[in-house]
C-alpha atoms as a PDB file:
ATOM      1  CA  MET A   1     -61.890  24.490  39.028  1.00  0.00           C
ATOM      2  CA  ALA A   2     -60.885  27.900  40.410  1.00  0.00           C
ATOM      3  CA  ARG A   3     -61.373  28.802  44.058  1.00  0.00           C
ATOM      4  CA  VAL A   4     -63.616  31.758  44.895  1.00  0.00           C
ATOM      5  CA  GLY A   5     -61.687  35.017  44.691  1.00  0.00           C
ATOM      6  CA  LEU A   6     -58.948  33.694  42.399  1.00  0.00           C
ATOM      7  CA  PRO A   7     -58.954  34.437  38.679  1.00  0.00           C
ATOM      8  CA  SER A   8     -59.881  31.754  36.214  1.00  0.00           C
ATOM      9  CA  TRP A   9     -58.273  31.876  32.788  1.00  0.00           C
ATOM     10  CA  VAL A  10     -60.493  31.621  29.743  1.00  0.00           C
ATOM     11  CA  PRO A  11     -59.465  31.610  26.096  1.00  0.00           C
ATOM     12  CA  CYS A  12     -60.115  34.764  24.149  1.00  0.00           C
ATOM     13  CA  ARG A  13     -59.607  34.821  20.382  1.00  0.00           C
ATOM     14  CA  ARG A  14     -58.592  38.462  20.161  1.00  0.00           C
ATOM     15  CA  TRP A  15     -56.253  38.838  23.150  1.00  0.00           C
ATOM     16  CA  GLY A  16     -55.039  35.301  23.806  1.00  0.00           C
ATOM     17  CA  TRP A  17     -55.826  34.515  27.455  1.00  0.00           C
ATOM     18  CA  MET A  18     -57.797  36.782  29.752  1.00  0.00           C
ATOM     19  CA  ALA A  19     -58.474  36.596  33.487  1.00  0.00           C
ATOM     20  CA  VAL A  20     -62.056  36.608  34.685  1.00  0.00           C
ATOM     21  CA  SER A  21     -62.715  37.093  38.393  1.00  0.00           C
ATOM     22  CA  PHE A  22     -65.329  34.921  40.056  1.00  0.00           C
ATOM     23  CA  GLY A  23     -64.895  36.571  43.453  1.00  0.00           C
ATOM     24  CA  PHE A  24     -67.455  37.883  45.892  1.00  0.00           C
ATOM     25  CA  HIS A  25     -68.043  41.136  43.980  1.00  0.00           C
ATOM     26  CA  ARG A  26     -69.924  40.177  40.837  1.00  0.00           C
ATOM     27  CA  GLY A  27     -70.595  43.571  39.293  1.00  0.00           C
ATOM     28  CA  LEU A  28     -72.866  46.577  39.398  1.00  0.00           C
ATOM     29  CA  SER A  29     -75.825  44.792  37.825  1.00  0.00           C
ATOM     30  CA  THR A  30     -75.871  42.148  40.566  1.00  0.00           C
ATOM     31  CA  LEU A  31     -75.972  44.840  43.230  1.00  0.00           C
ATOM     32  CA  LEU A  32     -78.568  47.033  41.543  1.00  0.00           C
ATOM     33  CA  ALA A  33     -80.831  44.715  39.513  1.00  0.00           C
ATOM     34  CA  PRO A  34     -84.331  44.468  40.977  1.00  0.00           C
ATOM     35  CA  LYS A  35     -84.476  40.670  40.572  1.00  0.00           C
ATOM     36  CA  ALA A  36     -81.518  38.388  41.199  1.00  0.00           C
ATOM     37  CA  GLU A  37     -82.540  35.973  38.429  1.00  0.00           C
ATOM     38  CA  ARG A  38     -82.266  38.795  35.858  1.00  0.00           C
ATOM     39  CA  ALA A  39     -78.698  39.681  36.832  1.00  0.00           C
ATOM     40  CA  PRO A  40     -75.846  37.803  35.148  1.00  0.00           C
ATOM     41  CA  ARG A  41     -73.789  35.436  37.284  1.00  0.00           C
ATOM     42  CA  TRP A  42     -70.632  36.702  35.563  1.00  0.00           C
ATOM     43  CA  LEU A  43     -69.736  38.750  32.564  1.00  0.00           C
ATOM     44  CA  PRO A  44     -67.759  37.050  29.804  1.00  0.00           C
ATOM     45  CA  ALA A  45     -64.304  38.380  28.912  1.00  0.00           C
ATOM     46  CA  CYS A  46     -65.103  38.078  25.206  1.00  0.00           C
ATOM     47  CA  ARG A  47     -68.402  38.390  23.446  1.00  0.00           C
ATOM     48  CA  GLN A  48     -67.548  37.076  20.024  1.00  0.00           C
ATOM     49  CA  LYS A  49     -71.076  36.721  18.653  1.00  0.00           C
ATOM     50  CA  THR A  50     -72.290  40.287  18.987  1.00  0.00           C
ATOM     51  CA  SER A  51     -73.620  42.570  16.315  1.00  0.00           C
ATOM     52  CA  ILE A  52     -71.630  45.799  16.196  1.00  0.00           C
ATOM     53  CA  SER A  53     -72.934  48.889  14.423  1.00  0.00           C
ATOM     54  CA  PHE A  54     -70.802  51.688  13.026  1.00  0.00           C
ATOM     55  CA  LEU A  55     -71.468  55.412  13.046  1.00  0.00           C
ATOM     56  CA  SER A  56     -70.200  56.827   9.746  1.00  0.00           C
ATOM     57  CA  ARG A  57     -68.811  60.348   9.949  1.00  0.00           C
ATOM     58  CA  PRO A  58     -67.463  62.364   7.019  1.00  0.00           C
ATOM     59  CA  ASP A  59     -63.723  63.045   7.381  1.00  0.00           C
ATOM     60  CA  LEU A  60     -63.614  61.272  10.769  1.00  0.00           C
ATOM     61  CA  PRO A  61     -63.081  57.599  11.689  1.00  0.00           C
ATOM     62  CA  ASN A  62     -66.175  55.389  11.919  1.00  0.00           C
ATOM     63  CA  LEU A  63     -67.143  54.624  15.514  1.00  0.00           C
ATOM     64  CA  ALA A  64     -68.136  51.132  16.665  1.00  0.00           C
ATOM     65  CA  TYR A  65     -71.095  51.094  19.030  1.00  0.00           C
ATOM     66  CA  LYS A  66     -73.837  48.981  20.573  1.00  0.00           C
ATOM     67  CA  ARG A  67     -77.240  50.500  21.239  1.00  0.00           C
ATOM     68  CA  LEU A  68     -80.038  49.212  23.397  1.00  0.00           C
ATOM     69  CA  LYS A  69     -83.467  50.683  22.700  1.00  0.00           C
ATOM     70  CA  GLY A  70     -85.534  51.681  25.704  1.00  0.00           C
ATOM     71  CA  LYS A  71     -87.177  54.403  27.689  1.00  0.00           C
ATOM     72  CA  SER A  72     -85.872  57.872  28.430  1.00  0.00           C
ATOM     73  CA  PRO A  73     -83.595  59.174  29.793  1.00  0.00           C
ATOM     74  CA  GLY A  74     -81.015  57.173  27.908  1.00  0.00           C
ATOM     75  CA  ILE A  75     -77.614  56.307  29.324  1.00  0.00           C
ATOM     76  CA  ILE A  76     -74.293  56.655  27.502  1.00  0.00           C
ATOM     77  CA  PHE A  77     -71.184  54.960  28.893  1.00  0.00           C
ATOM     78  CA  ILE A  78     -67.943  56.890  28.227  1.00  0.00           C
ATOM     79  CA  PRO A  79     -64.987  54.543  28.800  1.00  0.00           C
ATOM     80  CA  GLY A  80     -61.612  55.314  30.304  1.00  0.00           C
ATOM     81  CA  TYR A  81     -58.254  55.545  28.575  1.00  0.00           C
ATOM     82  CA  MET A  82     -57.552  52.443  26.460  1.00  0.00           C
ATOM     83  CA  SER A  83     -60.847  50.881  27.573  1.00  0.00           C
ATOM     84  CA  ASN A  84     -63.487  49.814  25.132  1.00  0.00           C
ATOM     85  CA  MET A  85     -67.194  49.102  24.978  1.00  0.00           C
ATOM     86  CA  ASN A  86     -66.708  45.485  26.075  1.00  0.00           C
ATOM     87  CA  GLY A  87     -65.260  46.283  29.499  1.00  0.00           C
ATOM     88  CA  THR A  88     -66.916  44.920  32.631  1.00  0.00           C
ATOM     89  CA  LYS A  89     -68.347  48.316  33.662  1.00  0.00           C
ATOM     90  CA  ALA A  90     -69.876  48.902  30.219  1.00  0.00           C
ATOM     91  CA  LEU A  91     -71.451  45.437  30.169  1.00  0.00           C
ATOM     92  CA  ALA A  92     -72.697  45.621  33.768  1.00  0.00           C
ATOM     93  CA  ILE A  93     -74.406  48.956  33.096  1.00  0.00           C
ATOM     94  CA  GLU A  94     -75.973  47.477  29.964  1.00  0.00           C
ATOM     95  CA  GLU A  95     -77.449  44.609  32.020  1.00  0.00           C
ATOM     96  CA  PHE A  96     -78.748  47.125  34.554  1.00  0.00           C
ATOM     97  CA  CYS A  97     -80.365  49.205  31.790  1.00  0.00           C
ATOM     98  CA  LYS A  98     -81.962  46.059  30.341  1.00  0.00           C
ATOM     99  CA  SER A  99     -83.460  45.224  33.747  1.00  0.00           C
ATOM    100  CA  LEU A 100     -85.022  48.702  33.966  1.00  0.00           C
ATOM    101  CA  GLY A 101     -85.906  49.070  30.279  1.00  0.00           C
ATOM    102  CA  HIS A 102     -83.761  52.180  29.672  1.00  0.00           C
ATOM    103  CA  ALA A 103     -82.011  53.083  26.429  1.00  0.00           C
ATOM    104  CA  TYR A 104     -78.248  52.571  26.506  1.00  0.00           C
ATOM    105  CA  ILE A 105     -75.263  53.254  24.240  1.00  0.00           C
ATOM    106  CA  ARG A 106     -71.703  51.996  24.625  1.00  0.00           C
ATOM    107  CA  PHE A 107     -68.987  52.735  22.073  1.00  0.00           C
ATOM    108  CA  ASP A 108     -65.289  52.594  21.213  1.00  0.00           C
ATOM    109  CA  TYR A 109     -63.221  55.747  20.741  1.00  0.00           C
ATOM    110  CA  SER A 110     -61.396  56.347  17.453  1.00  0.00           C
ATOM    111  CA  GLY A 111     -58.373  54.056  17.249  1.00  0.00           C
ATOM    112  CA  VAL A 112     -59.609  51.821  20.083  1.00  0.00           C
ATOM    113  CA  GLY A 113     -61.437  48.488  19.989  1.00  0.00           C
ATOM    114  CA  ASN A 114     -63.493  48.009  16.840  1.00  0.00           C
ATOM    115  CA  SER A 115     -63.580  51.670  15.767  1.00  0.00           C
ATOM    116  CA  ASP A 116     -61.586  52.911  12.795  1.00  0.00           C
ATOM    117  CA  GLY A 117     -58.544  55.109  13.218  1.00  0.00           C
ATOM    118  CA  ASN A 118     -54.963  54.930  14.410  1.00  0.00           C
ATOM    119  CA  LEU A 119     -54.421  55.178  18.165  1.00  0.00           C
ATOM    120  CA  GLU A 120     -51.100  56.974  17.655  1.00  0.00           C
ATOM    121  CA  GLU A 121     -52.934  59.829  15.918  1.00  0.00           C
ATOM    122  CA  CYS A 122     -55.644  60.157  18.570  1.00  0.00           C
ATOM    123  CA  THR A 123     -55.884  63.010  21.053  1.00  0.00           C
ATOM    124  CA  VAL A 124     -58.230  63.862  23.896  1.00  0.00           C
ATOM    125  CA  GLY A 125     -59.756  66.457  21.565  1.00  0.00           C
ATOM    126  CA  LYS A 126     -60.551  63.806  18.951  1.00  0.00           C
ATOM    127  CA  TRP A 127     -62.115  61.573  21.597  1.00  0.00           C
ATOM    128  CA  ARG A 128     -64.198  64.559  22.751  1.00  0.00           C
ATOM    129  CA  LYS A 129     -65.501  64.805  19.176  1.00  0.00           C
ATOM    130  CA  ASP A 130     -66.311  61.082  19.344  1.00  0.00           C
ATOM    131  CA  VAL A 131     -68.432  61.576  22.460  1.00  0.00           C
ATOM    132  CA  LEU A 132     -70.240  64.544  20.899  1.00  0.00           C
ATOM    133  CA  SER A 133     -70.892  62.510  17.727  1.00  0.00           C
ATOM    134  CA  ILE A 134     -72.520  59.773  19.815  1.00  0.00           C
ATOM    135  CA  ILE A 135     -74.688  62.335  21.627  1.00  0.00           C
ATOM    136  CA  ASP A 136     -75.610  64.240  18.441  1.00  0.00           C
ATOM    137  CA  ASP A 137     -76.076  61.392  15.972  1.00  0.00           C
ATOM    138  CA  LEU A 138     -77.212  58.363  18.005  1.00  0.00           C
ATOM    139  CA  ALA A 139     -78.792  59.460  21.271  1.00  0.00           C
ATOM    140  CA  GLU A 140     -82.497  60.228  21.357  1.00  0.00           C
ATOM    141  CA  GLY A 141     -83.863  62.578  23.983  1.00  0.00           C
ATOM    142  CA  PRO A 142     -82.242  63.451  27.324  1.00  0.00           C
ATOM    143  CA  GLN A 143     -79.161  61.471  28.359  1.00  0.00           C
ATOM    144  CA  ILE A 144     -77.363  60.450  31.534  1.00  0.00           C
ATOM    145  CA  LEU A 145     -73.615  60.300  30.934  1.00  0.00           C
ATOM    146  CA  VAL A 146     -71.568  57.738  32.862  1.00  0.00           C
ATOM    147  CA  GLY A 147     -67.854  58.515  32.614  1.00  0.00           C
ATOM    148  CA  SER A 148     -65.141  56.169  33.835  1.00  0.00           C
ATOM    149  CA  SER A 149     -61.623  57.491  34.525  1.00  0.00           C
ATOM    150  CA  LEU A 150     -60.672  59.625  31.488  1.00  0.00           C
ATOM    151  CA  GLY A 151     -64.306  59.270  30.425  1.00  0.00           C
ATOM    152  CA  GLY A 152     -65.173  61.449  33.428  1.00  0.00           C
ATOM    153  CA  TRP A 153     -63.155  64.305  31.925  1.00  0.00           C
ATOM    154  CA  LEU A 154     -64.818  63.818  28.546  1.00  0.00           C
ATOM    155  CA  MET A 155     -68.230  63.544  30.214  1.00  0.00           C
ATOM    156  CA  LEU A 156     -67.810  66.997  31.767  1.00  0.00           C
ATOM    157  CA  HIS A 157     -66.790  68.568  28.453  1.00  0.00           C
ATOM    158  CA  ALA A 158     -69.713  66.898  26.671  1.00  0.00           C
ATOM    159  CA  ALA A 159     -72.151  68.204  29.298  1.00  0.00           C
ATOM    160  CA  ILE A 160     -70.812  71.742  28.828  1.00  0.00           C
ATOM    161  CA  ALA A 161     -71.042  71.437  25.036  1.00  0.00           C
ATOM    162  CA  ARG A 162     -74.540  69.852  24.996  1.00  0.00           C
ATOM    163  CA  PRO A 163     -76.415  71.130  28.077  1.00  0.00           C
ATOM    164  CA  GLN A 164     -79.778  70.696  26.358  1.00  0.00           C
ATOM    165  CA  LYS A 165     -79.230  66.923  25.945  1.00  0.00           C
ATOM    166  CA  VAL A 166     -77.432  65.983  29.188  1.00  0.00           C
ATOM    167  CA  VAL A 167     -79.623  65.721  32.285  1.00  0.00           C
ATOM    168  CA  ALA A 168     -77.268  63.976  34.713  1.00  0.00           C
ATOM    169  CA  LEU A 169     -73.650  62.916  35.173  1.00  0.00           C
ATOM    170  CA  ILE A 170     -72.292  59.852  36.970  1.00  0.00           C
ATOM    171  CA  GLY A 171     -68.547  59.594  37.488  1.00  0.00           C
ATOM    172  CA  VAL A 172     -66.838  56.265  38.134  1.00  0.00           C
ATOM    173  CA  ALA A 173     -63.268  56.828  39.420  1.00  0.00           C
ATOM    174  CA  THR A 174     -63.154  59.956  37.287  1.00  0.00           C
ATOM    175  CA  ALA A 175     -59.801  61.430  36.331  1.00  0.00           C
ATOM    176  CA  VAL A 176     -61.065  64.963  35.827  1.00  0.00           C
ATOM    177  CA  ASP A 177     -57.953  66.697  37.130  1.00  0.00           C
ATOM    178  CA  SER A 178     -55.324  64.235  35.896  1.00  0.00           C
ATOM    179  CA  LEU A 179     -54.989  65.730  32.405  1.00  0.00           C
ATOM    180  CA  VAL A 180     -54.635  69.293  33.649  1.00  0.00           C
ATOM    181  CA  THR A 181     -52.079  68.247  36.278  1.00  0.00           C
ATOM    182  CA  GLN A 182     -50.010  66.337  33.709  1.00  0.00           C
ATOM    183  CA  PHE A 183     -50.305  69.169  31.175  1.00  0.00           C
ATOM    184  CA  ASN A 184     -49.118  71.759  33.717  1.00  0.00           C
ATOM    185  CA  GLN A 185     -46.052  69.632  34.525  1.00  0.00           C
ATOM    186  CA  LEU A 186     -44.800  69.604  30.915  1.00  0.00           C
ATOM    187  CA  PRO A 187     -41.933  71.914  29.945  1.00  0.00           C
ATOM    188  CA  VAL A 188     -43.076  74.976  28.010  1.00  0.00           C
ATOM    189  CA  GLU A 189     -40.486  74.692  25.243  1.00  0.00           C
ATOM    190  CA  GLY A 190     -40.031  71.650  23.064  1.00  0.00           C
ATOM    191  CA  SER A 191     -43.342  70.091  24.015  1.00  0.00           C
ATOM    192  CA  LYS A 192     -45.351  68.466  21.245  1.00  0.00           C
ATOM    193  CA  PHE A 193     -48.164  67.452  23.566  1.00  0.00           C
ATOM    194  CA  HIS A 194     -51.568  68.860  22.559  1.00  0.00           C
ATOM    195  CA  LEU A 195     -54.476  68.611  24.967  1.00  0.00           C
ATOM    196  CA  TRP A 196     -56.941  69.534  22.218  1.00  0.00           C
ATOM    197  CA  ASP A 197     -56.478  69.567  18.487  1.00  0.00           C
END
């Protein structure tokens, strides 16, 4: 049995072994849920028996997503770089939305998680298109965008592109200036880095 605050290792079919923290901080839903009995005690590292839907897009990779029906405004979680829709933040926000009865969408970018595509061919511009596809094709009514890390950058671009659908933004450790800073540090000649495609 693991002591409080130390990770406990649980088997995970997809990634081998994964650490799950059972420390004092048990997630956003525990802090924000109106009733303690409705909040999860911990979030599993792997949810192997979940039903994943796919958004089909002509000439673009299919996007894996999970949608929770509920009241408006809906909430869309935009993950960080190399994160997917099964991360602890995405799952905690889903539990919070369930407790309040709000609509919620979490998804995987092209080339990440369960979505189609090759990660080596992905760009920030392609992931921006992914976010806009989720907003345009899945979301109903006004939306609150929650962007984590790189998702904060994409959240801002989505809000600019779809001002009629986005009513609020919530950034979680957003990396809104990181891309521009890294881009400006690249040499002008010989660079094959493309911020947008």
